[in-house]
């Protein structure tokens, strides 16, 4: 009987560990496809508290605040909101984290008429550097 209880406790502990959120706190660097066919380096400075994610994204020229950040298990999502000419543009990042690698899909919302051009989703791979 004692062995069954111990085995049950071990299984419950492993289950809780498997469903806890990946710790993404730190600095992540990625190369993002640019408009001219080149790439642009972007840096994510992330901070996680519980399942809530905050931080900034920097392109070297400017720093933007991350909003709507969440981490659940190995799944991550957040948004960057920019205003240009009185119009808000939201870029949504969603993906997965595995160790020191974060694979994200970037999509845009907003623009003229509410739908905007949106563009095609872009795949980004970020590596943890700190």
C-alpha atoms as a PDB file:
ATOM      1  CA  UNK A   1       0.000   0.000   0.000  1.00  0.00           C
ATOM      2  CA  UNK A   2       2.828   2.393   0.904  1.00  0.00           C
ATOM      3  CA  UNK A   3       4.494   1.795  -2.467  1.00  0.00           C
ATOM      4  CA  UNK A   4       1.276   2.671  -4.321  1.00  0.00           C
ATOM      5  CA  UNK A   5       0.918   5.947  -2.413  1.00  0.00           C
ATOM      6  CA  UNK A   6       4.549   6.859  -3.099  1.00  0.00           C
ATOM      7  CA  UNK A   7       4.163   6.001  -6.758  1.00  0.00           C
ATOM      8  CA  UNK A   8       1.020   8.120  -6.949  1.00  0.00           C
ATOM      9  CA  UNK A   9       2.845  11.078  -5.349  1.00  0.00           C
ATOM     10  CA  UNK A  10       5.725  10.741  -7.808  1.00  0.00           C
ATOM     11  CA  UNK A  11       3.322  10.673 -10.764  1.00  0.00           C
ATOM     12  CA  UNK A  12       1.441  13.724  -9.483  1.00  0.00           C
ATOM     13  CA  UNK A  13       4.700  15.625  -9.018  1.00  0.00           C
ATOM     14  CA  UNK A  14       5.826  14.783 -12.555  1.00  0.00           C
ATOM     15  CA  UNK A  15       2.434  15.819 -13.913  1.00  0.00           C
ATOM     16  CA  UNK A  16       2.624  19.217 -12.209  1.00  0.00           C
ATOM     17  CA  UNK A  17       6.171  19.742 -13.465  1.00  0.00           C
ATOM     18  CA  UNK A  18       5.152  18.889 -17.031  1.00  0.00           C
ATOM     19  CA  UNK A  19       2.299  21.402 -17.084  1.00  0.00           C
ATOM     20  CA  UNK A  20       4.158  24.304 -15.469  1.00  0.00           C
ATOM     21  CA  UNK A  21       5.118  27.188 -17.732  1.00  0.00           C
ATOM     22  CA  UNK A  22       8.533  27.367 -19.364  1.00  0.00           C
ATOM     23  CA  UNK A  23      10.682  30.098 -17.792  1.00  0.00           C
ATOM     24  CA  UNK A  24      11.334  32.555 -20.610  1.00  0.00           C
ATOM     25  CA  UNK A  25      12.772  35.310 -18.410  1.00  0.00           C
ATOM     26  CA  UNK A  26      15.883  36.762 -20.016  1.00  0.00           C
ATOM     27  CA  UNK A  27      17.237  38.152 -23.250  1.00  0.00           C
ATOM     28  CA  UNK A  28      16.361  36.515 -26.597  1.00  0.00           C
ATOM     29  CA  UNK A  29      17.815  37.480 -29.992  1.00  0.00           C
ATOM     30  CA  UNK A  30      16.371  36.723 -33.436  1.00  0.00           C
ATOM     31  CA  UNK A  31      16.905  37.666 -37.058  1.00  0.00           C
ATOM     32  CA  UNK A  32      13.707  39.003 -38.630  1.00  0.00           C
ATOM     33  CA  UNK A  33      13.204  39.116 -42.404  1.00  0.00           C
ATOM     34  CA  UNK A  34      13.379  42.703 -43.650  1.00  0.00           C
ATOM     35  CA  UNK A  35      11.549  44.468 -46.461  1.00  0.00           C
ATOM     36  CA  UNK A  36      14.597  44.616 -48.726  1.00  0.00           C
ATOM     37  CA  UNK A  37      15.336  40.892 -48.491  1.00  0.00           C
ATOM     38  CA  UNK A  38      17.894  41.368 -45.735  1.00  0.00           C
ATOM     39  CA  UNK A  39      17.470  40.675 -42.044  1.00  0.00           C
ATOM     40  CA  UNK A  40      17.110  42.827 -38.972  1.00  0.00           C
ATOM     41  CA  UNK A  41      18.210  41.790 -35.500  1.00  0.00           C
ATOM     42  CA  UNK A  42      15.536  42.028 -32.818  1.00  0.00           C
ATOM     43  CA  UNK A  43      15.986  41.554 -29.094  1.00  0.00           C
ATOM     44  CA  UNK A  44      13.279  40.471 -26.689  1.00  0.00           C
ATOM     45  CA  UNK A  45      13.878  41.282 -23.003  1.00  0.00           C
ATOM     46  CA  UNK A  46      11.291  39.120 -21.265  1.00  0.00           C
ATOM     47  CA  UNK A  47      10.164  38.808 -17.658  1.00  0.00           C
ATOM     48  CA  UNK A  48       7.764  36.156 -16.478  1.00  0.00           C
ATOM     49  CA  UNK A  49       5.768  36.158 -13.254  1.00  0.00           C
ATOM     50  CA  UNK A  50       3.444  33.183 -12.966  1.00  0.00           C
ATOM     51  CA  UNK A  51       1.860  32.802 -16.397  1.00  0.00           C
ATOM     52  CA  UNK A  52       2.056  36.540 -17.133  1.00  0.00           C
ATOM     53  CA  UNK A  53       4.711  37.806 -19.519  1.00  0.00           C
ATOM     54  CA  UNK A  54       6.026  41.382 -19.724  1.00  0.00           C
ATOM     55  CA  UNK A  55       9.026  43.007 -21.330  1.00  0.00           C
ATOM     56  CA  UNK A  56      10.246  44.862 -24.384  1.00  0.00           C
ATOM     57  CA  UNK A  57      11.212  44.264 -27.994  1.00  0.00           C
ATOM     58  CA  UNK A  58      14.084  46.278 -29.414  1.00  0.00           C
ATOM     59  CA  UNK A  59      15.210  46.664 -33.010  1.00  0.00           C
ATOM     60  CA  UNK A  60      18.211  48.814 -32.129  1.00  0.00           C
ATOM     61  CA  UNK A  61      16.397  51.923 -33.367  1.00  0.00           C
ATOM     62  CA  UNK A  62      13.506  51.758 -30.932  1.00  0.00           C
ATOM     63  CA  UNK A  63      12.156  49.835 -27.976  1.00  0.00           C
ATOM     64  CA  UNK A  64       8.533  48.753 -27.746  1.00  0.00           C
ATOM     65  CA  UNK A  65       6.539  47.433 -24.798  1.00  0.00           C
ATOM     66  CA  UNK A  66       5.135  43.923 -24.883  1.00  0.00           C
ATOM     67  CA  UNK A  67       1.445  43.587 -23.972  1.00  0.00           C
ATOM     68  CA  UNK A  68      -1.012  40.716 -23.579  1.00  0.00           C
ATOM     69  CA  UNK A  69       1.861  38.368 -22.721  1.00  0.00           C
ATOM     70  CA  UNK A  70       1.120  34.820 -21.612  1.00  0.00           C
ATOM     71  CA  UNK A  71       3.044  31.613 -21.118  1.00  0.00           C
ATOM     72  CA  UNK A  72       1.322  28.276 -20.641  1.00  0.00           C
ATOM     73  CA  UNK A  73       3.458  25.149 -20.658  1.00  0.00           C
ATOM     74  CA  UNK A  74       5.748  25.571 -23.659  1.00  0.00           C
ATOM     75  CA  UNK A  75       3.338  27.937 -25.475  1.00  0.00           C
ATOM     76  CA  UNK A  76       4.023  31.684 -25.547  1.00  0.00           C
ATOM     77  CA  UNK A  77       2.072  34.638 -26.936  1.00  0.00           C
ATOM     78  CA  UNK A  78       2.334  38.423 -26.758  1.00  0.00           C
ATOM     79  CA  UNK A  79       1.572  41.568 -28.761  1.00  0.00           C
ATOM     80  CA  UNK A  80       3.278  44.800 -29.756  1.00  0.00           C
ATOM     81  CA  UNK A  81       1.022  47.795 -30.495  1.00  0.00           C
ATOM     82  CA  UNK A  82       2.290  50.697 -32.618  1.00  0.00           C
ATOM     83  CA  UNK A  83       0.528  53.929 -33.552  1.00  0.00           C
ATOM     84  CA  UNK A  84       1.212  55.653 -36.865  1.00  0.00           C
ATOM     85  CA  UNK A  85      -0.786  58.614 -38.097  1.00  0.00           C
ATOM     86  CA  UNK A  86      -3.553  58.012 -35.576  1.00  0.00           C
ATOM     87  CA  UNK A  87      -3.949  54.364 -36.563  1.00  0.00           C
ATOM     88  CA  UNK A  88      -3.020  51.471 -34.284  1.00  0.00           C
ATOM     89  CA  UNK A  89      -1.228  48.430 -35.661  1.00  0.00           C
ATOM     90  CA  UNK A  90      -0.985  45.292 -33.546  1.00  0.00           C
ATOM     91  CA  UNK A  91       1.621  42.635 -34.194  1.00  0.00           C
ATOM     92  CA  UNK A  92       0.910  39.300 -32.534  1.00  0.00           C
ATOM     93  CA  UNK A  93       3.634  36.797 -31.707  1.00  0.00           C
ATOM     94  CA  UNK A  94       2.677  33.185 -30.930  1.00  0.00           C
ATOM     95  CA  UNK A  95       4.842  30.131 -30.637  1.00  0.00           C
ATOM     96  CA  UNK A  96       6.620  27.567 -28.538  1.00  0.00           C
ATOM     97  CA  UNK A  97       9.656  27.487 -26.290  1.00  0.00           C
ATOM     98  CA  UNK A  98      12.040  24.559 -26.121  1.00  0.00           C
ATOM     99  CA  UNK A  99      15.080  25.067 -23.914  1.00  0.00           C
ATOM    100  CA  UNK A 100      17.049  28.039 -25.240  1.00  0.00           C
ATOM    101  CA  UNK A 101      15.049  28.316 -28.475  1.00  0.00           C
ATOM    102  CA  UNK A 102      11.775  30.128 -29.079  1.00  0.00           C
ATOM    103  CA  UNK A 103       9.931  29.592 -32.394  1.00  0.00           C
ATOM    104  CA  UNK A 104       7.429  32.366 -33.108  1.00  0.00           C
ATOM    105  CA  UNK A 105       4.929  33.193 -35.811  1.00  0.00           C
ATOM    106  CA  UNK A 106       4.392  36.911 -36.297  1.00  0.00           C
ATOM    107  CA  UNK A 107       1.129  38.274 -37.747  1.00  0.00           C
ATOM    108  CA  UNK A 108      -0.181  41.819 -38.063  1.00  0.00           C
ATOM    109  CA  UNK A 109      -3.625  43.267 -37.363  1.00  0.00           C
ATOM    110  CA  UNK A 110      -5.093  46.720 -37.817  1.00  0.00           C
ATOM    111  CA  UNK A 111      -4.556  49.444 -40.331  1.00  0.00           C
ATOM    112  CA  UNK A 112      -6.984  51.258 -42.592  1.00  0.00           C
ATOM    113  CA  UNK A 113     -10.519  49.967 -42.415  1.00  0.00           C
ATOM    114  CA  UNK A 114      -9.701  47.839 -39.383  1.00  0.00           C
ATOM    115  CA  UNK A 115      -8.370  44.907 -41.393  1.00  0.00           C
ATOM    116  CA  UNK A 116      -5.219  46.450 -42.728  1.00  0.00           C
ATOM    117  CA  UNK A 117      -2.930  44.725 -45.131  1.00  0.00           C
ATOM    118  CA  UNK A 118      -1.981  42.223 -42.515  1.00  0.00           C
ATOM    119  CA  UNK A 119       0.703  40.668 -44.644  1.00  0.00           C
ATOM    120  CA  UNK A 120       1.817  37.097 -44.568  1.00  0.00           C
ATOM    121  CA  UNK A 121       2.778  35.481 -41.257  1.00  0.00           C
ATOM    122  CA  UNK A 122       6.529  35.408 -40.637  1.00  0.00           C
ATOM    123  CA  UNK A 123       8.433  32.688 -38.829  1.00  0.00           C
ATOM    124  CA  UNK A 124      11.070  33.837 -36.344  1.00  0.00           C
ATOM    125  CA  UNK A 125      13.480  31.742 -34.279  1.00  0.00           C
ATOM    126  CA  UNK A 126      14.961  33.448 -31.210  1.00  0.00           C
ATOM    127  CA  UNK A 127      17.864  32.141 -29.147  1.00  0.00           C
ATOM    128  CA  UNK A 128      18.257  32.836 -25.440  1.00  0.00           C
ATOM    129  CA  UNK A 129      21.447  34.797 -24.781  1.00  0.00           C
ATOM    130  CA  UNK A 130      21.019  35.851 -21.173  1.00  0.00           C
END
